[in-house]
């Protein structure tokens, strides 16, 4: 199915908005306790449960407008739903916190398997948006794999040793910013491997 064009700002709102909403809801109810069917839930867990349908609504809207959702977005959404359900069922916020480590770890493992096979699975995901020679994709994939491993380890250290509020702030702003800046710096550094569109000198 052909992808439909969408306003870039609206696309960013739909992709990043749910996480920001989760952050704002958490700040509002972080110190509150909610009783449901005789069980007490912290503000963090309630914010997590609210986050799941908001994320699904945003993804559904994005798909309706573009007829396209990346494989990475689908996988991330699945992990959010799965670990959000575990968090609610066991009434234990640790499940949602470790979700980030597992997502980054899975990305690293998947990319690592591709590298062992002499392939860049990152190209399979981003190739349409970033035309680049195979050598460039292999270099970028190796570096991104290391970054995912580092972020998984960092998340494990942070959620196990720091406050929930600090973890939420880092999850919402720091980790995405680090990934974006790292990816941007790598693309700039690998300019020599980019493939220019036909007709351009």
N, C-alpha and C. Protein backbone atom coordinates (compact mmCIF):
# COMPACT_ATOMS: atom_id res chain seq x y z
N UNK A 1 0.84 -1.19 0.00
CA UNK A 1 0.00 0.00 0.00
C UNK A 1 0.88 1.25 0.00
N UNK A 2 0.56 2.19 -0.87
CA UNK A 2 1.38 3.38 -1.00
C UNK A 2 1.20 4.32 0.19
N UNK A 3 2.35 4.84 0.68
CA UNK A 3 2.32 5.76 1.81
C UNK A 3 1.76 7.11 1.39
N UNK A 4 0.88 7.67 2.21
CA UNK A 4 0.32 8.98 1.92
C UNK A 4 1.15 10.06 2.61
N UNK A 5 1.29 11.22 1.97
CA UNK A 5 2.05 12.30 2.61
C UNK A 5 1.30 12.85 3.82
N UNK A 6 2.06 13.38 4.78
CA UNK A 6 1.46 13.95 5.98
C UNK A 6 2.31 15.13 6.42
N UNK A 7 1.67 16.10 7.03
CA UNK A 7 2.39 17.25 7.56
C UNK A 7 3.44 16.77 8.56
N UNK A 8 4.71 17.16 8.38
CA UNK A 8 5.78 16.68 9.26
C UNK A 8 5.54 17.01 10.74
N UNK A 9 4.95 18.18 11.00
CA UNK A 9 4.70 18.57 12.39
C UNK A 9 3.64 17.65 13.00
N UNK A 10 2.58 17.36 12.25
CA UNK A 10 1.54 16.47 12.74
C UNK A 10 2.11 15.07 12.98
N UNK A 11 2.99 14.63 12.09
CA UNK A 11 3.63 13.32 12.25
C UNK A 11 4.43 13.26 13.55
N UNK A 12 5.18 14.31 13.85
CA UNK A 12 5.96 14.36 15.08
C UNK A 12 5.06 14.37 16.30
N UNK A 13 3.94 15.09 16.22
CA UNK A 13 3.00 15.14 17.33
C UNK A 13 2.44 13.75 17.61
N UNK A 14 2.07 13.02 16.56
CA UNK A 14 1.50 11.69 16.73
C UNK A 14 2.54 10.68 17.23
N UNK A 15 3.80 10.87 16.85
CA UNK A 15 4.84 9.93 17.26
C UNK A 15 5.36 10.22 18.66
N UNK A 16 5.51 11.50 18.99
CA UNK A 16 6.11 11.86 20.27
C UNK A 16 5.09 12.29 21.32
N UNK A 17 3.89 12.67 20.86
CA UNK A 17 2.86 13.18 21.75
C UNK A 17 2.47 12.23 22.89
N UNK A 18 2.24 10.93 22.61
CA UNK A 18 1.83 10.03 23.69
C UNK A 18 2.83 9.97 24.84
N UNK A 19 4.12 9.96 24.53
CA UNK A 19 5.13 9.92 25.59
C UNK A 19 5.10 11.20 26.42
N UNK A 20 4.91 12.33 25.76
CA UNK A 20 4.83 13.60 26.48
C UNK A 20 3.58 13.64 27.36
N UNK A 21 2.47 13.12 26.85
CA UNK A 21 1.23 13.07 27.64
C UNK A 21 1.43 12.19 28.87
N UNK A 22 2.10 11.05 28.68
CA UNK A 22 2.41 10.17 29.83
C UNK A 22 3.20 10.94 30.88
N UNK A 23 4.18 11.71 30.43
CA UNK A 23 5.01 12.48 31.35
C UNK A 23 4.17 13.49 32.13
N UNK A 24 3.31 14.21 31.43
CA UNK A 24 2.48 15.23 32.08
C UNK A 24 1.49 14.62 33.06
N UNK A 25 0.89 13.48 32.67
CA UNK A 25 -0.05 12.80 33.56
C UNK A 25 0.68 12.31 34.81
N UNK A 26 1.87 11.76 34.60
CA UNK A 26 2.64 11.27 35.74
C UNK A 26 2.95 12.40 36.71
N UNK A 27 3.39 13.55 36.19
CA UNK A 27 3.70 14.67 37.07
C UNK A 27 2.48 15.11 37.87
N UNK A 28 1.31 15.00 37.24
CA UNK A 28 0.08 15.45 37.90
C UNK A 28 -0.36 14.50 39.01
N UNK A 29 -0.16 13.20 38.85
CA UNK A 29 -0.71 12.23 39.80
C UNK A 29 0.36 11.38 40.48
N UNK A 30 1.62 11.75 40.36
CA UNK A 30 2.72 10.90 40.86
C UNK A 30 2.62 10.60 42.35
N UNK A 31 2.07 11.53 43.11
CA UNK A 31 1.99 11.34 44.56
C UNK A 31 0.65 10.78 45.03
N UNK A 32 -0.23 10.49 44.09
CA UNK A 32 -1.57 10.02 44.43
C UNK A 32 -1.62 8.49 44.43
N UNK A 33 -2.59 7.96 45.14
CA UNK A 33 -2.86 6.53 45.16
C UNK A 33 -4.31 6.30 44.76
N UNK A 34 -4.55 5.35 43.89
CA UNK A 34 -5.89 5.09 43.37
C UNK A 34 -6.28 3.66 43.75
N UNK A 35 -7.51 3.53 44.25
CA UNK A 35 -8.02 2.22 44.65
C UNK A 35 -9.03 1.73 43.63
N UNK A 36 -8.76 0.57 43.05
CA UNK A 36 -9.64 -0.04 42.05
C UNK A 36 -9.92 -1.47 42.48
N UNK A 37 -11.19 -1.78 42.69
CA UNK A 37 -11.60 -3.13 43.10
C UNK A 37 -10.82 -3.60 44.33
N UNK A 38 -10.61 -2.67 45.25
CA UNK A 38 -9.94 -3.02 46.49
C UNK A 38 -8.43 -3.06 46.43
N UNK A 39 -7.86 -2.79 45.27
CA UNK A 39 -6.40 -2.80 45.11
C UNK A 39 -5.89 -1.39 44.91
N UNK A 40 -4.85 -1.03 45.62
CA UNK A 40 -4.27 0.30 45.49
C UNK A 40 -3.20 0.33 44.39
N UNK A 41 -3.29 1.37 43.55
CA UNK A 41 -2.33 1.56 42.46
C UNK A 41 -1.68 2.93 42.60
N UNK A 42 -0.38 2.97 42.36
CA UNK A 42 0.34 4.25 42.43
C UNK A 42 0.01 5.11 41.21
N UNK A 43 0.34 6.39 41.32
CA UNK A 43 0.12 7.29 40.19
C UNK A 43 0.89 6.87 38.96
N UNK A 44 2.08 6.30 39.16
CA UNK A 44 2.89 5.85 38.03
C UNK A 44 2.17 4.75 37.25
N UNK A 45 1.60 3.79 37.95
CA UNK A 45 0.93 2.69 37.28
C UNK A 45 -0.32 3.19 36.55
N UNK A 46 -1.06 4.10 37.17
CA UNK A 46 -2.25 4.65 36.52
C UNK A 46 -1.85 5.42 35.26
N UNK A 47 -0.77 6.20 35.35
CA UNK A 47 -0.29 6.94 34.18
C UNK A 47 0.12 5.98 33.07
N UNK A 48 0.71 4.85 33.44
CA UNK A 48 1.10 3.83 32.46
C UNK A 48 -0.11 3.26 31.76
N UNK A 49 -1.18 2.98 32.52
CA UNK A 49 -2.39 2.41 31.94
C UNK A 49 -3.08 3.41 31.01
N UNK A 50 -3.02 4.68 31.35
CA UNK A 50 -3.61 5.71 30.49
C UNK A 50 -2.78 5.88 29.22
N UNK A 51 -1.47 5.70 29.35
CA UNK A 51 -0.55 5.87 28.22
C UNK A 51 -0.83 4.88 27.10
N UNK A 52 -1.19 3.64 27.45
CA UNK A 52 -1.37 2.59 26.43
C UNK A 52 -2.45 2.94 25.41
N UNK A 53 -3.69 3.28 25.81
CA UNK A 53 -4.70 3.63 24.79
C UNK A 53 -4.36 4.91 24.04
N UNK A 54 -3.68 5.85 24.69
CA UNK A 54 -3.28 7.08 24.00
C UNK A 54 -2.28 6.74 22.88
N UNK A 55 -1.34 5.84 23.19
CA UNK A 55 -0.37 5.42 22.18
C UNK A 55 -1.06 4.71 21.02
N UNK A 56 -1.99 3.82 21.33
CA UNK A 56 -2.71 3.09 20.27
C UNK A 56 -3.54 4.04 19.41
N UNK A 57 -4.17 5.03 20.05
CA UNK A 57 -4.96 6.01 19.30
C UNK A 57 -4.06 6.81 18.36
N UNK A 58 -2.90 7.23 18.86
CA UNK A 58 -1.98 7.99 18.03
C UNK A 58 -1.48 7.16 16.85
N UNK A 59 -1.15 5.90 17.10
CA UNK A 59 -0.68 5.03 16.03
C UNK A 59 -1.78 4.75 15.02
N UNK A 60 -3.01 4.57 15.51
CA UNK A 60 -4.14 4.35 14.61
C UNK A 60 -4.38 5.56 13.73
N UNK A 61 -4.27 6.74 14.32
CA UNK A 61 -4.44 7.98 13.56
C UNK A 61 -3.34 8.12 12.51
N UNK A 62 -2.10 7.81 12.92
CA UNK A 62 -0.97 7.90 11.99
C UNK A 62 -1.17 6.94 10.82
N UNK A 63 -1.62 5.73 11.10
CA UNK A 63 -1.86 4.76 10.04
C UNK A 63 -3.00 5.22 9.12
N UNK A 64 -4.06 5.77 9.70
CA UNK A 64 -5.20 6.22 8.90
C UNK A 64 -4.79 7.36 7.96
N UNK A 65 -3.87 8.20 8.42
CA UNK A 65 -3.45 9.35 7.61
C UNK A 65 -2.39 8.99 6.58
N UNK A 66 -1.52 8.05 6.92
CA UNK A 66 -0.38 7.74 6.04
C UNK A 66 -0.44 6.35 5.42
N UNK A 67 -1.26 5.47 5.97
CA UNK A 67 -1.30 4.07 5.57
C UNK A 67 0.07 3.41 5.74
N UNK A 68 0.83 3.89 6.73
CA UNK A 68 2.16 3.34 6.96
C UNK A 68 2.56 3.52 8.42
N UNK A 69 3.07 2.43 9.02
CA UNK A 69 3.64 2.48 10.36
C UNK A 69 4.91 1.65 10.32
N UNK A 70 5.99 2.18 10.86
CA UNK A 70 7.26 1.47 10.80
C UNK A 70 7.22 0.21 11.67
N UNK A 71 8.04 -0.76 11.29
CA UNK A 71 8.14 -2.01 12.06
C UNK A 71 8.61 -1.72 13.48
N UNK A 72 9.50 -0.74 13.62
CA UNK A 72 10.01 -0.38 14.93
C UNK A 72 8.89 0.16 15.82
N UNK A 73 7.99 0.96 15.23
CA UNK A 73 6.87 1.50 16.00
C UNK A 73 5.93 0.39 16.44
N UNK A 74 5.67 -0.57 15.56
CA UNK A 74 4.79 -1.69 15.90
C UNK A 74 5.39 -2.51 17.03
N UNK A 75 6.69 -2.80 16.94
CA UNK A 75 7.35 -3.58 17.99
C UNK A 75 7.33 -2.84 19.31
N UNK A 76 7.64 -1.55 19.29
CA UNK A 76 7.65 -0.76 20.51
C UNK A 76 6.26 -0.72 21.14
N UNK A 77 5.22 -0.54 20.31
CA UNK A 77 3.85 -0.51 20.82
C UNK A 77 3.49 -1.85 21.48
N UNK A 78 3.89 -2.94 20.84
CA UNK A 78 3.62 -4.27 21.41
C UNK A 78 4.27 -4.40 22.79
N UNK A 79 5.51 -3.94 22.91
CA UNK A 79 6.22 -4.04 24.18
C UNK A 79 5.57 -3.16 25.24
N UNK A 80 5.11 -1.98 24.85
CA UNK A 80 4.43 -1.09 25.79
C UNK A 80 3.15 -1.75 26.30
N UNK A 81 2.38 -2.34 25.40
CA UNK A 81 1.13 -2.99 25.79
C UNK A 81 1.42 -4.19 26.70
N UNK A 82 2.39 -5.01 26.30
CA UNK A 82 2.70 -6.23 27.04
C UNK A 82 3.19 -5.90 28.45
N UNK A 83 4.16 -5.00 28.55
CA UNK A 83 4.71 -4.69 29.86
C UNK A 83 3.78 -3.78 30.66
N UNK A 84 2.96 -3.01 29.97
CA UNK A 84 1.94 -2.24 30.68
C UNK A 84 0.94 -3.17 31.34
N UNK A 85 0.58 -4.25 30.63
CA UNK A 85 -0.34 -5.24 31.19
C UNK A 85 0.28 -5.95 32.39
N UNK A 86 1.55 -6.31 32.28
CA UNK A 86 2.24 -6.96 33.41
C UNK A 86 2.32 -6.02 34.61
N UNK A 87 2.58 -4.75 34.32
CA UNK A 87 2.66 -3.75 35.39
C UNK A 87 1.35 -3.67 36.16
N UNK A 88 0.24 -3.64 35.41
CA UNK A 88 -1.07 -3.55 36.05
C UNK A 88 -1.44 -4.85 36.77
N UNK A 89 -1.17 -5.98 36.12
CA UNK A 89 -1.58 -7.27 36.69
C UNK A 89 -0.85 -7.56 38.00
N UNK A 90 0.44 -7.31 38.01
CA UNK A 90 1.23 -7.59 39.21
C UNK A 90 1.35 -6.37 40.12
N UNK A 91 0.75 -5.24 39.67
CA UNK A 91 0.80 -4.00 40.45
C UNK A 91 2.24 -3.67 40.82
N UNK A 92 3.12 -3.76 39.82
CA UNK A 92 4.56 -3.60 40.05
C UNK A 92 5.14 -2.75 38.92
N UNK A 93 5.56 -1.54 39.25
CA UNK A 93 6.05 -0.61 38.24
C UNK A 93 7.37 -1.04 37.62
N UNK A 94 8.05 -2.00 38.21
CA UNK A 94 9.34 -2.43 37.67
C UNK A 94 9.21 -3.02 36.27
N UNK A 95 8.08 -3.65 35.98
CA UNK A 95 7.90 -4.25 34.66
C UNK A 95 7.96 -3.18 33.56
N UNK A 96 7.29 -2.06 33.79
CA UNK A 96 7.28 -1.01 32.76
C UNK A 96 8.64 -0.36 32.64
N UNK A 97 9.36 -0.25 33.73
CA UNK A 97 10.69 0.35 33.69
C UNK A 97 11.68 -0.53 32.94
N UNK A 98 11.61 -1.83 33.16
CA UNK A 98 12.55 -2.72 32.49
C UNK A 98 12.20 -2.89 31.02
N UNK A 99 10.99 -2.50 30.63
CA UNK A 99 10.58 -2.57 29.23
C UNK A 99 11.56 -1.85 28.33
N UNK A 100 12.05 -0.69 28.77
CA UNK A 100 12.97 0.10 27.96
C UNK A 100 14.27 -0.66 27.71
N UNK A 101 14.78 -1.31 28.74
CA UNK A 101 16.01 -2.10 28.59
C UNK A 101 15.81 -3.24 27.61
N UNK A 102 14.65 -3.89 27.70
CA UNK A 102 14.38 -5.04 26.83
C UNK A 102 14.21 -4.59 25.39
N UNK A 103 13.53 -3.46 25.17
CA UNK A 103 13.36 -2.94 23.81
C UNK A 103 14.71 -2.62 23.18
N UNK A 104 15.53 -1.85 23.90
CA UNK A 104 16.86 -1.52 23.38
C UNK A 104 17.68 -2.80 23.19
N UNK A 105 17.59 -3.72 24.13
CA UNK A 105 18.33 -4.96 24.02
C UNK A 105 17.91 -5.78 22.82
N UNK A 106 16.60 -5.84 22.57
CA UNK A 106 16.09 -6.59 21.41
C UNK A 106 16.57 -5.96 20.11
N UNK A 107 16.53 -4.64 20.04
CA UNK A 107 17.03 -3.96 18.84
C UNK A 107 18.50 -4.31 18.62
N UNK A 108 19.30 -4.30 19.70
CA UNK A 108 20.72 -4.62 19.58
C UNK A 108 20.92 -6.06 19.11
N UNK A 109 20.14 -6.99 19.66
CA UNK A 109 20.27 -8.40 19.27
C UNK A 109 19.89 -8.59 17.80
N UNK A 110 18.77 -7.98 17.39
CA UNK A 110 18.32 -8.12 16.00
C UNK A 110 19.36 -7.57 15.03
N UNK A 111 19.86 -6.37 15.33
CA UNK A 111 20.87 -5.78 14.46
C UNK A 111 22.16 -6.60 14.51
N UNK A 112 22.50 -7.12 15.68
CA UNK A 112 23.70 -7.94 15.82
C UNK A 112 23.62 -9.22 15.00
N UNK A 113 22.45 -9.85 14.99
CA UNK A 113 22.26 -11.06 14.18
C UNK A 113 22.47 -10.73 12.70
N UNK A 114 21.94 -9.60 12.28
CA UNK A 114 22.14 -9.19 10.89
C UNK A 114 23.61 -8.98 10.57
N UNK A 115 24.33 -8.35 11.50
CA UNK A 115 25.76 -8.11 11.28
C UNK A 115 26.52 -9.42 11.17
N UNK A 116 26.16 -10.41 11.99
CA UNK A 116 26.83 -11.71 11.92
C UNK A 116 26.56 -12.40 10.59
N UNK A 117 25.44 -12.06 9.97
CA UNK A 117 25.11 -12.61 8.66
C UNK A 117 25.61 -11.74 7.52
N UNK A 118 26.35 -10.68 7.89
CA UNK A 118 26.89 -9.79 6.87
C UNK A 118 25.87 -8.87 6.25
N UNK A 119 24.78 -8.59 7.01
CA UNK A 119 23.70 -7.75 6.49
C UNK A 119 23.37 -6.65 7.49
N UNK A 120 22.79 -5.58 6.96
CA UNK A 120 22.34 -4.48 7.82
C UNK A 120 20.81 -4.47 7.85
N UNK A 121 20.25 -4.94 8.96
CA UNK A 121 18.79 -4.89 9.09
C UNK A 121 18.32 -3.45 9.28
N UNK A 122 19.22 -2.57 9.67
CA UNK A 122 18.87 -1.16 9.79
C UNK A 122 18.52 -0.59 8.42
N UNK A 123 19.22 -1.04 7.40
CA UNK A 123 18.92 -0.59 6.04
C UNK A 123 17.52 -1.02 5.63
N UNK A 124 17.12 -2.19 6.09
CA UNK A 124 15.78 -2.70 5.77
C UNK A 124 14.70 -1.78 6.34
N UNK A 125 15.00 -1.15 7.48
CA UNK A 125 14.03 -0.26 8.12
C UNK A 125 14.11 1.16 7.58
N UNK A 126 15.34 1.64 7.34
CA UNK A 126 15.53 3.05 7.01
C UNK A 126 16.00 3.31 5.58
N UNK A 127 16.17 2.25 4.81
CA UNK A 127 16.74 2.39 3.48
C UNK A 127 15.98 3.32 2.56
N UNK A 128 14.66 3.33 2.66
CA UNK A 128 13.85 4.19 1.78
C UNK A 128 14.04 5.67 2.10
N UNK A 129 14.41 5.97 3.35
CA UNK A 129 14.54 7.36 3.76
C UNK A 129 15.98 7.86 3.71
N UNK A 130 16.92 6.91 3.65
CA UNK A 130 18.33 7.30 3.70
C UNK A 130 19.13 6.43 2.73
N UNK A 131 19.14 6.79 1.43
CA UNK A 131 19.91 6.01 0.45
C UNK A 131 21.40 6.07 0.77
N UNK A 132 22.01 4.91 0.98
CA UNK A 132 23.41 4.89 1.36
C UNK A 132 24.05 3.58 0.88
N UNK A 133 25.32 3.61 0.61
CA UNK A 133 26.06 2.44 0.17
C UNK A 133 26.10 1.39 1.28
N UNK A 134 26.28 0.14 0.86
CA UNK A 134 26.29 -0.97 1.83
C UNK A 134 27.34 -0.78 2.92
N UNK A 135 28.51 -0.30 2.54
CA UNK A 135 29.57 -0.10 3.52
C UNK A 135 29.14 0.89 4.60
N UNK A 136 28.46 1.95 4.18
CA UNK A 136 27.97 2.93 5.14
C UNK A 136 26.93 2.34 6.08
N UNK A 137 26.04 1.51 5.53
CA UNK A 137 25.02 0.88 6.37
C UNK A 137 25.63 -0.05 7.41
N UNK A 138 26.67 -0.77 7.01
CA UNK A 138 27.31 -1.68 7.96
C UNK A 138 27.98 -0.91 9.10
N UNK A 139 28.65 0.18 8.76
CA UNK A 139 29.28 1.00 9.79
C UNK A 139 28.24 1.59 10.73
N UNK A 140 27.18 2.16 10.15
CA UNK A 140 26.12 2.77 10.96
C UNK A 140 25.45 1.74 11.85
N UNK A 141 25.20 0.56 11.30
CA UNK A 141 24.52 -0.49 12.06
C UNK A 141 25.37 -0.94 13.25
N UNK A 142 26.66 -1.09 13.05
CA UNK A 142 27.54 -1.48 14.15
C UNK A 142 27.50 -0.43 15.27
N UNK A 143 27.55 0.83 14.89
CA UNK A 143 27.57 1.90 15.89
C UNK A 143 26.23 2.02 16.62
N UNK A 144 25.14 1.88 15.88
CA UNK A 144 23.81 1.95 16.50
C UNK A 144 23.61 0.76 17.43
N UNK A 145 24.11 -0.40 17.06
CA UNK A 145 24.00 -1.58 17.92
C UNK A 145 24.69 -1.33 19.26
N UNK A 146 25.89 -0.77 19.21
CA UNK A 146 26.62 -0.44 20.44
C UNK A 146 25.85 0.58 21.27
N UNK A 147 25.25 1.56 20.59
CA UNK A 147 24.46 2.58 21.30
C UNK A 147 23.25 1.96 22.00
N UNK A 148 22.56 1.05 21.34
CA UNK A 148 21.41 0.39 21.96
C UNK A 148 21.84 -0.40 23.20
N UNK A 149 22.98 -1.08 23.10
CA UNK A 149 23.48 -1.82 24.25
C UNK A 149 23.78 -0.87 25.41
N UNK A 150 24.42 0.25 25.09
CA UNK A 150 24.76 1.24 26.13
C UNK A 150 23.50 1.81 26.78
N UNK A 151 22.47 2.10 25.98
CA UNK A 151 21.23 2.65 26.53
C UNK A 151 20.50 1.62 27.39
N UNK A 152 20.54 0.35 26.98
CA UNK A 152 19.91 -0.71 27.78
C UNK A 152 20.58 -0.82 29.14
N UNK A 153 21.90 -0.79 29.14
CA UNK A 153 22.64 -0.87 30.40
C UNK A 153 22.36 0.36 31.26
N UNK A 154 22.36 1.53 30.62
CA UNK A 154 22.09 2.77 31.36
C UNK A 154 20.71 2.74 31.99
N UNK A 155 19.71 2.25 31.24
CA UNK A 155 18.36 2.20 31.78
C UNK A 155 18.28 1.26 32.97
N UNK A 156 18.95 0.11 32.87
CA UNK A 156 18.95 -0.83 33.99
C UNK A 156 19.55 -0.18 35.24
N UNK A 157 20.64 0.53 35.06
CA UNK A 157 21.29 1.18 36.21
C UNK A 157 20.38 2.25 36.80
N UNK A 158 19.75 3.05 35.92
CA UNK A 158 18.95 4.19 36.39
C UNK A 158 17.71 3.73 37.14
N UNK A 159 16.94 2.80 36.55
CA UNK A 159 15.68 2.45 37.22
C UNK A 159 15.91 1.65 38.50
N UNK A 160 17.04 0.98 38.59
CA UNK A 160 17.34 0.20 39.79
C UNK A 160 17.93 1.04 40.91
N UNK A 161 18.52 2.18 40.58
CA UNK A 161 19.23 2.96 41.60
C UNK A 161 18.67 4.36 41.83
N UNK A 162 17.85 4.86 40.90
CA UNK A 162 17.37 6.23 41.02
C UNK A 162 15.86 6.26 41.26
N UNK A 163 15.35 7.46 41.50
CA UNK A 163 13.91 7.62 41.77
C UNK A 163 13.09 7.42 40.51
N UNK A 164 11.82 7.09 40.72
CA UNK A 164 10.90 6.94 39.58
C UNK A 164 10.77 8.24 38.80
N UNK A 165 10.72 9.36 39.51
CA UNK A 165 10.58 10.64 38.82
C UNK A 165 11.77 10.91 37.90
N UNK A 166 12.98 10.64 38.36
CA UNK A 166 14.15 10.84 37.51
C UNK A 166 14.10 9.91 36.31
N UNK A 167 13.70 8.65 36.54
CA UNK A 167 13.61 7.70 35.43
C UNK A 167 12.62 8.19 34.38
N UNK A 168 11.46 8.67 34.81
CA UNK A 168 10.45 9.16 33.87
C UNK A 168 10.99 10.32 33.04
N UNK A 169 11.69 11.23 33.68
CA UNK A 169 12.26 12.37 32.96
C UNK A 169 13.29 11.92 31.93
N UNK A 170 14.15 11.01 32.32
CA UNK A 170 15.18 10.53 31.40
C UNK A 170 14.55 9.72 30.27
N UNK A 171 13.55 8.89 30.59
CA UNK A 171 12.86 8.10 29.58
C UNK A 171 12.15 8.98 28.57
N UNK A 172 11.57 10.07 29.05
CA UNK A 172 10.80 10.95 28.18
C UNK A 172 11.68 11.84 27.32
N UNK A 173 12.74 12.36 27.89
CA UNK A 173 13.52 13.37 27.17
C UNK A 173 14.96 12.94 26.85
N UNK A 174 15.67 12.39 27.82
CA UNK A 174 17.10 12.15 27.63
C UNK A 174 17.38 11.03 26.62
N UNK A 175 16.76 9.87 26.80
CA UNK A 175 17.04 8.75 25.91
C UNK A 175 16.70 9.06 24.45
N UNK A 176 15.49 9.60 24.17
CA UNK A 176 15.20 9.95 22.76
C UNK A 176 16.16 11.00 22.21
N UNK A 177 16.54 11.99 23.03
CA UNK A 177 17.45 13.03 22.57
C UNK A 177 18.83 12.45 22.26
N UNK A 178 19.30 11.56 23.12
CA UNK A 178 20.60 10.93 22.90
C UNK A 178 20.59 10.12 21.60
N UNK A 179 19.53 9.35 21.38
CA UNK A 179 19.43 8.56 20.16
C UNK A 179 19.39 9.45 18.92
N UNK A 180 18.58 10.51 18.98
CA UNK A 180 18.46 11.42 17.84
C UNK A 180 19.79 12.08 17.52
N UNK A 181 20.45 12.62 18.54
CA UNK A 181 21.71 13.31 18.32
C UNK A 181 22.79 12.34 17.83
N UNK A 182 22.79 11.13 18.39
CA UNK A 182 23.77 10.14 17.96
C UNK A 182 23.55 9.77 16.50
N UNK A 183 22.28 9.50 16.14
CA UNK A 183 21.97 9.13 14.76
C UNK A 183 22.30 10.26 13.80
N UNK A 184 21.96 11.49 14.19
CA UNK A 184 22.25 12.65 13.34
C UNK A 184 23.75 12.82 13.14
N UNK A 185 24.52 12.67 14.21
CA UNK A 185 25.97 12.83 14.12
C UNK A 185 26.58 11.76 13.23
N UNK A 186 26.03 10.55 13.30
CA UNK A 186 26.56 9.47 12.48
C UNK A 186 26.24 9.68 11.00
N UNK A 187 25.05 10.15 10.72
CA UNK A 187 24.68 10.41 9.32
C UNK A 187 25.56 11.50 8.73
N UNK A 188 25.81 12.54 9.53
CA UNK A 188 26.70 13.60 9.07
C UNK A 188 28.10 13.06 8.82
N UNK A 189 28.56 12.20 9.73
CA UNK A 189 29.91 11.65 9.60
C UNK A 189 30.05 10.65 8.47
N UNK A 190 28.91 10.10 8.01
CA UNK A 190 28.95 9.10 6.94
C UNK A 190 28.46 9.67 5.61
N UNK A 191 28.57 10.97 5.45
CA UNK A 191 28.10 11.63 4.24
C UNK A 191 28.71 11.02 2.98
N UNK A 192 29.97 10.59 3.08
CA UNK A 192 30.66 10.09 1.89
C UNK A 192 30.03 8.81 1.34
N UNK A 193 29.21 8.15 2.16
CA UNK A 193 28.57 6.92 1.71
C UNK A 193 27.15 7.14 1.17
N UNK A 194 26.63 8.37 1.31
CA UNK A 194 25.28 8.63 0.84
C UNK A 194 25.20 8.56 -0.67
N UNK A 195 24.08 8.07 -1.16
CA UNK A 195 23.85 7.95 -2.60
C UNK A 195 22.99 9.12 -3.04
N UNK A 196 23.52 9.93 -3.95
CA UNK A 196 22.78 11.09 -4.43
C UNK A 196 21.68 10.64 -5.38
N UNK A 197 20.51 11.30 -5.33
CA UNK A 197 19.43 10.98 -6.25
C UNK A 197 19.88 11.15 -7.69
N UNK A 198 19.31 10.34 -8.56
CA UNK A 198 19.66 10.44 -9.98
C UNK A 198 19.35 11.82 -10.53
N UNK A 199 20.25 12.31 -11.33
CA UNK A 199 20.03 13.63 -11.91
C UNK A 199 20.73 14.72 -11.16
N UNK A 200 21.26 14.38 -9.94
CA UNK A 200 22.00 15.36 -9.16
C UNK A 200 23.46 15.05 -9.25
N UNK A 201 24.26 16.08 -9.35
CA UNK A 201 25.70 15.88 -9.46
C UNK A 201 26.31 15.72 -8.08
